[in-house]
N, C-alpha and C. Protein backbone atom coordinates (compact mmCIF):
# COMPACT_ATOMS: atom_id res chain seq x y z
N MET A 1 211.92 10.31 -39.82
CA MET A 1 212.46 10.31 -41.61
C MET A 1 213.25 9.83 -42.33
N ASN A 2 214.52 9.93 -41.32
CA ASN A 2 215.15 9.48 -41.66
C ASN A 2 215.90 8.19 -41.92
N TYR A 3 215.31 7.48 -40.80
CA TYR A 3 215.04 6.09 -40.72
C TYR A 3 214.42 5.11 -41.16
N LEU A 4 213.29 5.65 -41.39
CA LEU A 4 212.45 5.02 -42.58
C LEU A 4 213.13 4.69 -43.54
N PHE A 5 214.24 5.63 -44.23
CA PHE A 5 215.37 6.13 -45.17
C PHE A 5 215.91 4.70 -45.03
N LEU A 6 216.59 4.94 -43.80
CA LEU A 6 217.53 3.96 -43.20
C LEU A 6 217.20 2.14 -43.54
N PHE A 7 215.66 2.25 -43.08
CA PHE A 7 215.28 0.87 -43.37
C PHE A 7 215.43 -0.05 -44.36
N LEU A 8 214.46 1.27 -45.41
CA LEU A 8 214.74 1.23 -46.99
C LEU A 8 215.46 1.00 -47.65
N ALA A 9 216.60 1.36 -46.73
CA ALA A 9 218.26 1.33 -47.87
C ALA A 9 218.74 -0.48 -47.72
N ILE A 10 218.49 -0.78 -46.05
CA ILE A 10 219.01 -2.07 -45.81
C ILE A 10 217.75 -2.94 -46.88
N PHE A 11 216.56 -3.19 -46.23
CA PHE A 11 215.60 -4.01 -46.98
C PHE A 11 215.79 -3.92 -48.29
N ALA A 12 216.51 -3.09 -49.36
CA ALA A 12 216.36 -2.85 -50.68
C ALA A 12 218.22 -3.85 -50.73
N GLU A 13 218.62 -3.17 -49.89
CA GLU A 13 220.27 -3.79 -50.09
C GLU A 13 219.94 -5.60 -49.69
N LEU A 14 219.24 -6.18 -48.87
CA LEU A 14 219.01 -7.60 -48.56
C LEU A 14 218.60 -7.98 -49.83
N ALA A 15 217.40 -7.18 -50.42
CA ALA A 15 216.65 -7.92 -51.16
C ALA A 15 218.04 -7.89 -52.50
N GLY A 16 218.29 -7.00 -52.79
CA GLY A 16 219.52 -6.94 -53.73
C GLY A 16 220.17 -7.95 -54.11
N THR A 17 220.94 -8.01 -52.84
CA THR A 17 221.90 -9.17 -52.15
C THR A 17 221.49 -10.46 -52.55
N ASN A 18 220.43 -11.01 -52.30
CA ASN A 18 220.14 -12.22 -52.12
C ASN A 18 219.40 -12.06 -53.41
N LEU A 19 218.85 -11.82 -54.49
CA LEU A 19 218.12 -11.86 -55.87
C LEU A 19 219.54 -11.95 -56.63
N LEU A 20 220.89 -11.71 -56.18
CA LEU A 20 222.20 -12.22 -56.86
C LEU A 20 222.33 -13.63 -57.56
N LYS A 21 221.41 -14.30 -56.35
CA LYS A 21 221.31 -15.80 -56.65
C LYS A 21 220.48 -16.27 -57.76
N PHE A 22 219.77 -15.52 -57.90
CA PHE A 22 218.90 -16.02 -59.62
C PHE A 22 219.28 -15.15 -60.42
N THR A 23 220.65 -14.32 -61.04
CA THR A 23 220.79 -13.54 -61.62
C THR A 23 221.75 -15.04 -62.98
N ASP A 24 222.04 -15.82 -62.39
CA ASP A 24 223.12 -16.76 -62.89
C ASP A 24 224.43 -15.73 -63.81
N GLY A 25 224.49 -15.16 -62.75
CA GLY A 25 226.03 -14.54 -63.47
C GLY A 25 225.34 -13.26 -64.17
N PHE A 26 224.37 -13.06 -64.11
CA PHE A 26 224.04 -11.29 -64.70
C PHE A 26 223.74 -12.23 -66.08
N THR A 27 223.00 -13.29 -66.29
CA THR A 27 222.74 -13.68 -67.83
C THR A 27 221.31 -13.90 -67.49
N LYS A 28 220.44 -13.73 -66.35
CA LYS A 28 218.65 -13.79 -66.32
C LYS A 28 218.14 -12.31 -66.35
N LEU A 29 217.60 -11.91 -67.13
CA LEU A 29 217.02 -10.12 -67.57
C LEU A 29 216.61 -9.79 -66.17
N TYR A 30 215.53 -10.60 -65.83
CA TYR A 30 214.50 -9.95 -64.81
C TYR A 30 215.19 -10.04 -63.82
N PRO A 31 215.87 -11.28 -63.04
CA PRO A 31 216.79 -10.67 -61.58
C PRO A 31 217.82 -10.04 -62.14
N THR A 32 218.45 -10.15 -62.81
CA THR A 32 219.25 -8.55 -63.23
C THR A 32 218.76 -7.67 -63.45
N ALA A 33 218.12 -6.80 -63.14
CA ALA A 33 217.69 -5.69 -63.80
C ALA A 33 216.76 -5.49 -62.22
N ALA A 34 216.12 -6.81 -61.69
CA ALA A 34 215.69 -6.19 -59.87
C ALA A 34 216.41 -6.06 -59.10
N THR A 35 218.05 -6.65 -59.20
CA THR A 35 218.68 -6.84 -58.33
C THR A 35 219.41 -5.47 -58.64
N LEU A 36 219.45 -4.81 -59.92
CA LEU A 36 220.12 -3.37 -59.96
C LEU A 36 219.45 -2.40 -59.49
N PHE A 37 218.19 -2.68 -59.87
CA PHE A 37 216.88 -1.60 -59.24
C PHE A 37 217.44 -1.36 -57.45
N MET A 38 217.36 -2.67 -57.09
CA MET A 38 217.14 -2.77 -55.46
C MET A 38 218.46 -2.11 -55.28
N TYR A 39 219.74 -2.02 -56.12
CA TYR A 39 220.94 -1.48 -55.29
C TYR A 39 221.08 0.06 -55.59
N GLY A 40 220.27 0.07 -56.82
CA GLY A 40 219.80 1.61 -57.20
C GLY A 40 218.99 2.35 -55.86
N LEU A 41 217.80 1.68 -55.32
CA LEU A 41 217.28 2.15 -54.36
C LEU A 41 217.66 2.23 -53.25
N ALA A 42 218.46 1.05 -52.83
CA ALA A 42 219.70 1.11 -51.77
C ALA A 42 220.87 2.77 -50.93
N PHE A 43 221.15 2.77 -52.63
CA PHE A 43 222.29 3.79 -52.47
C PHE A 43 220.75 5.23 -52.69
N TYR A 44 220.39 5.43 -53.62
CA TYR A 44 219.44 6.62 -53.80
C TYR A 44 218.89 6.74 -51.83
N CYS A 45 218.41 5.87 -51.14
CA CYS A 45 217.48 6.41 -49.49
C CYS A 45 219.18 5.96 -49.10
N LEU A 46 220.25 5.85 -48.74
CA LEU A 46 221.71 5.99 -48.22
C LEU A 46 221.91 7.62 -48.32
N SER A 47 221.57 7.72 -49.51
CA SER A 47 222.30 9.59 -50.13
C SER A 47 220.78 10.20 -49.07
N ILE A 48 219.92 9.59 -48.95
CA ILE A 48 218.74 10.91 -48.37
C ILE A 48 219.38 10.53 -46.84
N VAL A 49 219.85 9.67 -46.38
CA VAL A 49 220.06 9.89 -44.77
C VAL A 49 221.68 10.70 -44.59
N VAL A 50 222.62 10.69 -45.57
CA VAL A 50 223.78 11.14 -45.10
C VAL A 50 223.50 12.23 -44.99
N LYS A 51 222.50 12.84 -45.43
CA LYS A 51 222.44 14.44 -45.34
C LYS A 51 221.96 15.33 -44.19
N ASP A 52 221.54 14.10 -43.54
CA ASP A 52 221.39 14.66 -41.90
C ASP A 52 222.45 13.44 -40.64
N PHE A 53 222.69 12.84 -40.97
CA PHE A 53 223.50 11.72 -40.34
C PHE A 53 224.93 11.70 -41.17
N PRO A 54 225.81 11.13 -39.85
CA PRO A 54 227.54 11.23 -40.50
C PRO A 54 227.65 9.36 -41.12
N VAL A 55 227.99 9.75 -42.08
CA VAL A 55 228.28 8.50 -43.24
C VAL A 55 229.01 7.56 -42.42
N ASN A 56 229.86 7.38 -41.83
CA ASN A 56 230.46 6.68 -40.73
C ASN A 56 229.23 6.38 -40.33
N ILE A 57 228.86 6.90 -39.74
CA ILE A 57 227.33 6.44 -38.76
C ILE A 57 226.42 5.47 -39.51
N VAL A 58 225.64 5.84 -40.19
CA VAL A 58 224.83 5.40 -41.68
C VAL A 58 225.36 4.10 -42.07
N TYR A 59 226.80 4.05 -42.56
CA TYR A 59 227.49 3.46 -42.97
C TYR A 59 227.56 1.68 -42.32
N ALA A 60 227.94 2.15 -41.39
CA ALA A 60 228.47 1.15 -40.12
C ALA A 60 226.35 0.10 -39.70
N ILE A 61 225.74 0.80 -39.51
CA ILE A 61 224.45 0.28 -39.35
C ILE A 61 224.43 -0.67 -40.91
N TRP A 62 223.71 0.32 -41.86
CA TRP A 62 223.26 -0.27 -43.05
C TRP A 62 223.94 -1.58 -43.49
N SER A 63 225.55 -1.52 -43.21
CA SER A 63 226.49 -2.75 -43.87
C SER A 63 226.49 -3.60 -42.75
N GLY A 64 226.30 -3.48 -41.08
CA GLY A 64 226.04 -4.33 -40.60
C GLY A 64 224.82 -5.38 -40.07
N ALA A 65 224.11 -4.12 -40.66
CA ALA A 65 222.67 -4.91 -40.45
C ALA A 65 222.73 -6.14 -41.90
N GLY A 66 222.86 -5.26 -42.69
CA GLY A 66 222.99 -6.39 -44.50
C GLY A 66 223.59 -7.65 -43.94
N ILE A 67 224.87 -7.11 -43.52
CA ILE A 67 225.31 -8.53 -43.50
C ILE A 67 224.85 -9.59 -42.68
N VAL A 68 224.35 -9.37 -40.95
CA VAL A 68 223.95 -10.02 -40.31
C VAL A 68 222.18 -10.98 -41.11
N LEU A 69 221.53 -9.56 -41.23
CA LEU A 69 220.27 -10.13 -42.29
C LEU A 69 220.84 -11.42 -43.46
N VAL A 70 221.31 -10.55 -44.40
CA VAL A 70 222.07 -11.59 -45.17
C VAL A 70 222.25 -13.01 -44.66
N THR A 71 223.28 -13.24 -43.76
CA THR A 71 223.66 -14.18 -43.25
C THR A 71 222.39 -15.29 -42.69
N LEU A 72 221.15 -14.57 -41.93
CA LEU A 72 220.58 -15.30 -41.18
C LEU A 72 219.37 -16.05 -42.92
N VAL A 73 219.18 -14.84 -43.93
CA VAL A 73 218.44 -15.68 -45.04
C VAL A 73 218.97 -16.60 -45.25
N SER A 74 220.21 -16.59 -45.76
CA SER A 74 220.80 -17.85 -46.45
C SER A 74 220.84 -19.05 -45.24
N VAL A 75 220.84 -18.83 -44.39
CA VAL A 75 220.73 -19.94 -43.53
C VAL A 75 219.46 -20.62 -43.30
N PHE A 76 218.14 -19.68 -43.27
CA PHE A 76 217.13 -20.03 -42.83
C PHE A 76 216.47 -19.97 -44.14
N ILE A 77 216.64 -19.60 -45.73
CA ILE A 77 215.73 -19.41 -46.69
C ILE A 77 216.77 -20.42 -47.64
N PHE A 78 217.71 -20.10 -47.89
CA PHE A 78 218.69 -21.20 -48.63
C PHE A 78 219.23 -22.03 -48.09
N HIS A 79 219.30 -22.00 -46.89
CA HIS A 79 219.41 -23.33 -46.06
C HIS A 79 221.15 -23.94 -46.15
N ASN A 80 222.04 -22.68 -46.42
CA ASN A 80 223.47 -23.11 -46.09
C ASN A 80 223.85 -23.06 -44.95
N SER A 81 224.44 -23.56 -44.63
CA SER A 81 225.39 -24.11 -43.06
C SER A 81 226.17 -22.91 -43.08
N ILE A 82 226.03 -22.55 -41.57
CA ILE A 82 227.03 -21.56 -40.77
C ILE A 82 228.01 -22.25 -39.85
N ASN A 83 229.15 -22.09 -39.48
CA ASN A 83 229.99 -22.35 -38.32
C ASN A 83 229.98 -21.56 -37.60
N TRP A 84 231.03 -21.97 -36.44
CA TRP A 84 230.96 -21.15 -34.92
C TRP A 84 231.87 -20.29 -35.12
N GLN A 85 232.79 -20.02 -36.42
CA GLN A 85 233.56 -18.52 -36.84
C GLN A 85 232.60 -17.81 -37.22
N THR A 86 231.81 -18.29 -38.26
CA THR A 86 230.76 -17.34 -38.82
C THR A 86 230.25 -16.32 -37.87
N LEU A 87 229.56 -17.06 -37.26
CA LEU A 87 228.82 -16.43 -35.94
C LEU A 87 229.53 -15.75 -35.03
N LEU A 88 230.65 -16.15 -34.69
CA LEU A 88 231.55 -14.87 -34.05
C LEU A 88 232.05 -14.04 -34.85
N GLY A 89 232.28 -14.13 -36.24
CA GLY A 89 232.54 -12.61 -36.93
C GLY A 89 231.05 -11.58 -36.92
N THR A 90 230.12 -12.52 -36.95
CA THR A 90 228.64 -11.74 -37.25
C THR A 90 228.79 -11.23 -35.83
N LEU A 91 228.76 -11.67 -34.75
CA LEU A 91 228.34 -11.88 -33.53
C LEU A 91 229.81 -9.67 -33.25
N LEU A 92 230.55 -10.14 -33.84
CA LEU A 92 231.42 -8.89 -34.02
C LEU A 92 231.59 -7.71 -34.24
N ILE A 93 230.64 -8.09 -35.93
CA ILE A 93 229.89 -7.24 -36.61
C ILE A 93 229.45 -6.60 -35.67
N VAL A 94 228.40 -6.66 -35.45
CA VAL A 94 227.35 -6.42 -34.18
C VAL A 94 228.18 -5.36 -33.18
N VAL A 95 228.68 -5.62 -32.39
CA VAL A 95 229.85 -5.23 -31.75
C VAL A 95 230.19 -3.92 -32.21
N GLY A 96 231.08 -4.20 -33.21
CA GLY A 96 231.50 -2.86 -34.26
C GLY A 96 230.40 -1.62 -34.33
N VAL A 97 228.99 -2.20 -34.82
CA VAL A 97 228.38 -1.21 -34.79
C VAL A 97 227.80 -0.39 -34.03
N ILE A 98 227.96 -1.01 -33.00
CA ILE A 98 227.41 -0.64 -31.23
C ILE A 98 227.99 0.22 -31.24
N LEU A 99 229.45 -0.10 -31.04
CA LEU A 99 230.44 1.04 -30.69
C LEU A 99 230.69 1.96 -31.83
N VAL A 100 230.68 1.84 -32.75
CA VAL A 100 230.44 3.32 -33.67
C VAL A 100 229.52 4.05 -33.28
N ASN A 101 228.29 3.67 -32.98
CA ASN A 101 226.95 3.94 -32.70
C ASN A 101 227.05 5.05 -31.18
N ILE A 102 227.97 4.56 -30.73
CA ILE A 102 228.12 5.11 -29.05
C ILE A 102 229.14 5.36 -28.66
N PHE A 103 230.65 5.76 -29.75
CA PHE A 103 231.62 6.53 -29.51
C PHE A 103 232.35 7.08 -30.92
N GLY A 104 231.20 6.87 -31.84
CA GLY A 104 231.45 7.79 -33.11
C GLY A 104 230.51 9.49 -33.34
N THR A 105 231.16 9.80 -34.21
CA THR A 105 230.34 11.01 -34.32
C THR A 105 229.03 11.43 -34.11
N SER A 106 229.16 12.39 -33.40
CA SER A 106 227.75 12.69 -32.48
C SER A 106 225.94 12.73 -33.48
N HIS A 107 225.15 11.78 -33.69
CA HIS A 107 224.24 12.32 -34.27
C HIS A 107 223.83 13.80 -34.51
């Protein structure tokens, strides 16, 4: 069940971050409300997961997955360009999340 809430937290953070593009600096009501709701949902789901898992493991997975997914959305949906440095940095984030999961506090 915790993994479901972690997945929901990742999805909500991904949605909230991508909705930021449509808020126009928080001047548009509905995109702003949707963004704030999604971030609230993300943190609510994280609060459930950290009851049973170490916060460093949960945060590493949440933030790492969020960075990778937001990068993919920005490239494939918003057609933003990406360079090799961004790809390398994203790969290093993935490696870091894996290392934290392998050698971090045990589940």
